N, C-alpha and C. Protein backbone atom coordinates (compact mmCIF):
# COMPACT_ATOMS: atom_id res chain seq x y z
N MET A 1 -172.22 -72.42 -32.15
CA MET A 1 -172.67 -72.79 -33.47
C MET A 1 -173.74 -71.83 -33.94
N MET A 2 -173.73 -71.55 -35.22
CA MET A 2 -174.72 -70.67 -35.82
C MET A 2 -176.08 -71.36 -35.80
N THR A 3 -177.10 -70.62 -35.45
CA THR A 3 -178.45 -71.17 -35.44
C THR A 3 -179.25 -70.57 -36.57
N ILE A 4 -179.84 -71.41 -37.38
CA ILE A 4 -180.58 -70.97 -38.55
C ILE A 4 -182.08 -70.94 -38.26
N GLY A 5 -182.52 -71.42 -37.14
CA GLY A 5 -183.94 -71.41 -36.81
C GLY A 5 -184.64 -72.70 -37.17
N ARG A 6 -184.03 -73.83 -36.86
CA ARG A 6 -184.64 -75.13 -37.12
C ARG A 6 -184.67 -75.93 -35.82
N ASN A 7 -185.67 -76.79 -35.70
CA ASN A 7 -185.73 -77.68 -34.54
C ASN A 7 -185.08 -79.02 -34.91
N LYS A 8 -185.05 -79.96 -33.97
CA LYS A 8 -184.38 -81.24 -34.20
C LYS A 8 -184.95 -82.01 -35.38
N GLU A 9 -186.22 -81.86 -35.66
CA GLU A 9 -186.84 -82.57 -36.77
C GLU A 9 -186.57 -81.88 -38.11
N GLY A 10 -185.93 -80.72 -38.09
CA GLY A 10 -185.60 -80.02 -39.32
C GLY A 10 -186.64 -79.01 -39.75
N ALA A 11 -187.73 -78.89 -39.00
CA ALA A 11 -188.77 -77.93 -39.36
C ALA A 11 -188.27 -76.52 -39.09
N ARG A 12 -188.68 -75.61 -39.95
CA ARG A 12 -188.30 -74.22 -39.75
C ARG A 12 -189.01 -73.66 -38.53
N ALA A 13 -188.25 -73.06 -37.61
CA ALA A 13 -188.82 -72.52 -36.37
C ALA A 13 -189.50 -71.17 -36.63
N ARG A 14 -189.07 -70.45 -37.67
CA ARG A 14 -189.67 -69.18 -38.02
C ARG A 14 -190.30 -69.30 -39.39
N GLY A 15 -190.83 -68.23 -39.90
CA GLY A 15 -191.46 -68.24 -41.21
C GLY A 15 -190.48 -68.07 -42.36
N ASP A 16 -189.20 -68.28 -42.14
CA ASP A 16 -188.19 -68.11 -43.19
C ASP A 16 -188.42 -69.09 -44.33
N ALA A 17 -188.25 -68.62 -45.55
CA ALA A 17 -188.37 -69.49 -46.71
C ALA A 17 -187.12 -70.35 -46.83
N ALA A 18 -187.30 -71.61 -47.15
CA ALA A 18 -186.18 -72.52 -47.34
C ALA A 18 -185.74 -72.49 -48.79
N VAL A 19 -184.47 -72.78 -49.03
CA VAL A 19 -183.93 -72.90 -50.37
C VAL A 19 -183.54 -74.35 -50.58
N ARG A 20 -183.97 -74.94 -51.66
CA ARG A 20 -183.69 -76.35 -51.93
C ARG A 20 -182.42 -76.47 -52.76
N ALA A 21 -181.59 -77.47 -52.43
CA ALA A 21 -180.38 -77.75 -53.19
C ALA A 21 -180.31 -79.24 -53.49
N SER A 22 -179.77 -79.57 -54.62
CA SER A 22 -179.58 -80.96 -54.99
C SER A 22 -178.09 -81.27 -54.89
N VAL A 23 -177.76 -82.31 -54.12
CA VAL A 23 -176.36 -82.64 -53.89
C VAL A 23 -176.16 -84.13 -54.12
N SER A 24 -175.06 -84.49 -54.77
CA SER A 24 -174.73 -85.90 -54.97
C SER A 24 -173.60 -86.29 -54.02
N PHE A 25 -173.70 -87.49 -53.44
CA PHE A 25 -172.70 -87.99 -52.49
C PHE A 25 -172.13 -89.31 -53.00
N PRO A 26 -170.88 -89.58 -52.69
CA PRO A 26 -170.36 -90.92 -52.96
C PRO A 26 -171.18 -91.93 -52.14
N PRO A 27 -171.41 -93.13 -52.66
CA PRO A 27 -172.27 -94.10 -51.98
C PRO A 27 -171.88 -94.36 -50.51
N GLU A 28 -170.61 -94.50 -50.22
CA GLU A 28 -170.21 -94.80 -48.84
C GLU A 28 -170.53 -93.64 -47.91
N LEU A 29 -170.32 -92.41 -48.35
CA LEU A 29 -170.64 -91.25 -47.52
C LEU A 29 -172.14 -91.19 -47.26
N TYR A 30 -172.94 -91.48 -48.30
CA TYR A 30 -174.39 -91.47 -48.12
C TYR A 30 -174.83 -92.53 -47.12
N ARG A 31 -174.22 -93.72 -47.19
CA ARG A 31 -174.55 -94.78 -46.22
C ARG A 31 -174.22 -94.33 -44.80
N LEU A 32 -173.10 -93.64 -44.63
CA LEU A 32 -172.74 -93.13 -43.30
C LEU A 32 -173.74 -92.08 -42.81
N LEU A 33 -174.18 -91.21 -43.71
CA LEU A 33 -175.18 -90.21 -43.35
C LEU A 33 -176.49 -90.88 -42.96
N GLU A 34 -176.88 -91.92 -43.70
CA GLU A 34 -178.09 -92.68 -43.35
C GLU A 34 -177.96 -93.29 -41.96
N HIS A 35 -176.81 -93.86 -41.68
CA HIS A 35 -176.57 -94.49 -40.38
C HIS A 35 -176.68 -93.46 -39.24
N ILE A 36 -176.06 -92.31 -39.43
CA ILE A 36 -176.13 -91.25 -38.42
C ILE A 36 -177.58 -90.82 -38.20
N ALA A 37 -178.31 -90.63 -39.29
CA ALA A 37 -179.71 -90.21 -39.20
C ALA A 37 -180.54 -91.24 -38.43
N LEU A 38 -180.34 -92.51 -38.71
CA LEU A 38 -181.08 -93.56 -38.00
C LEU A 38 -180.74 -93.55 -36.51
N GLN A 39 -179.46 -93.40 -36.20
CA GLN A 39 -179.04 -93.38 -34.79
C GLN A 39 -179.66 -92.21 -34.04
N LYS A 40 -179.73 -91.05 -34.70
CA LYS A 40 -180.26 -89.84 -34.06
C LYS A 40 -181.78 -89.74 -34.18
N LYS A 41 -182.38 -90.63 -35.00
CA LYS A 41 -183.82 -90.61 -35.26
C LYS A 41 -184.27 -89.28 -35.87
N VAL A 42 -183.50 -88.85 -36.86
CA VAL A 42 -183.80 -87.63 -37.62
C VAL A 42 -183.66 -87.96 -39.10
N SER A 43 -184.01 -87.02 -39.95
CA SER A 43 -183.87 -87.23 -41.39
C SER A 43 -182.42 -87.03 -41.83
N ILE A 44 -182.11 -87.59 -43.00
CA ILE A 44 -180.77 -87.35 -43.57
C ILE A 44 -180.61 -85.85 -43.84
N ALA A 45 -181.68 -85.20 -44.28
CA ALA A 45 -181.62 -83.76 -44.53
C ALA A 45 -181.21 -83.00 -43.27
N TRP A 46 -181.75 -83.42 -42.11
CA TRP A 46 -181.40 -82.76 -40.85
C TRP A 46 -179.91 -82.93 -40.57
N VAL A 47 -179.38 -84.14 -40.77
CA VAL A 47 -177.96 -84.40 -40.53
C VAL A 47 -177.10 -83.51 -41.43
N ILE A 48 -177.49 -83.39 -42.69
CA ILE A 48 -176.72 -82.59 -43.63
C ILE A 48 -176.80 -81.10 -43.28
N ARG A 49 -178.00 -80.62 -42.92
CA ARG A 49 -178.12 -79.21 -42.50
C ARG A 49 -177.28 -78.94 -41.27
N ASP A 50 -177.33 -79.85 -40.30
CA ASP A 50 -176.55 -79.69 -39.07
C ASP A 50 -175.05 -79.63 -39.39
N ALA A 51 -174.59 -80.52 -40.26
CA ALA A 51 -173.18 -80.54 -40.65
C ALA A 51 -172.80 -79.24 -41.38
N ALA A 52 -173.68 -78.77 -42.26
CA ALA A 52 -173.40 -77.54 -43.00
C ALA A 52 -173.33 -76.34 -42.06
N GLU A 53 -174.25 -76.27 -41.08
CA GLU A 53 -174.22 -75.17 -40.11
C GLU A 53 -172.93 -75.19 -39.31
N LYS A 54 -172.50 -76.37 -38.89
CA LYS A 54 -171.24 -76.48 -38.12
C LYS A 54 -170.06 -76.07 -38.98
N TYR A 55 -170.05 -76.48 -40.24
CA TYR A 55 -168.96 -76.12 -41.15
C TYR A 55 -168.89 -74.61 -41.34
N VAL A 56 -170.04 -73.99 -41.59
CA VAL A 56 -170.07 -72.53 -41.78
C VAL A 56 -169.62 -71.82 -40.50
N SER A 57 -170.06 -72.31 -39.36
CA SER A 57 -169.64 -71.73 -38.08
C SER A 57 -168.13 -71.78 -37.91
N ASP A 58 -167.54 -72.91 -38.30
CA ASP A 58 -166.08 -73.06 -38.19
C ASP A 58 -165.35 -72.12 -39.15
N GLN A 59 -165.92 -71.93 -40.35
CA GLN A 59 -165.29 -71.08 -41.35
C GLN A 59 -165.48 -69.59 -41.08
N LEU A 60 -166.64 -69.24 -40.53
CA LEU A 60 -166.98 -67.84 -40.27
C LEU A 60 -167.43 -67.70 -38.81
N PRO A 61 -166.48 -67.71 -37.88
CA PRO A 61 -166.85 -67.73 -36.45
C PRO A 61 -167.79 -66.61 -36.01
N ASN A 62 -167.83 -65.49 -36.70
CA ASN A 62 -168.69 -64.38 -36.28
C ASN A 62 -170.04 -64.39 -36.99
N ALA A 63 -170.34 -65.47 -37.75
CA ALA A 63 -171.58 -65.53 -38.53
C ALA A 63 -172.80 -65.78 -37.66
N GLY A 64 -172.64 -66.36 -36.49
CA GLY A 64 -173.80 -66.70 -35.70
C GLY A 64 -173.97 -65.77 -34.57
């Protein structure tokens, strides 16, 4: 998996600047993301970043 330089809590491990994005989710998908975040004891943002990194890794295997 591609590593962007974040720890489990979602904090940037290096001094890289973050880019903010606004995303809308269907209510049921958001509830599932909340559930996953609670189970893992992380933020919803962390779950979404993790999912996005995995997706990009799958799409561009040589990116990481």
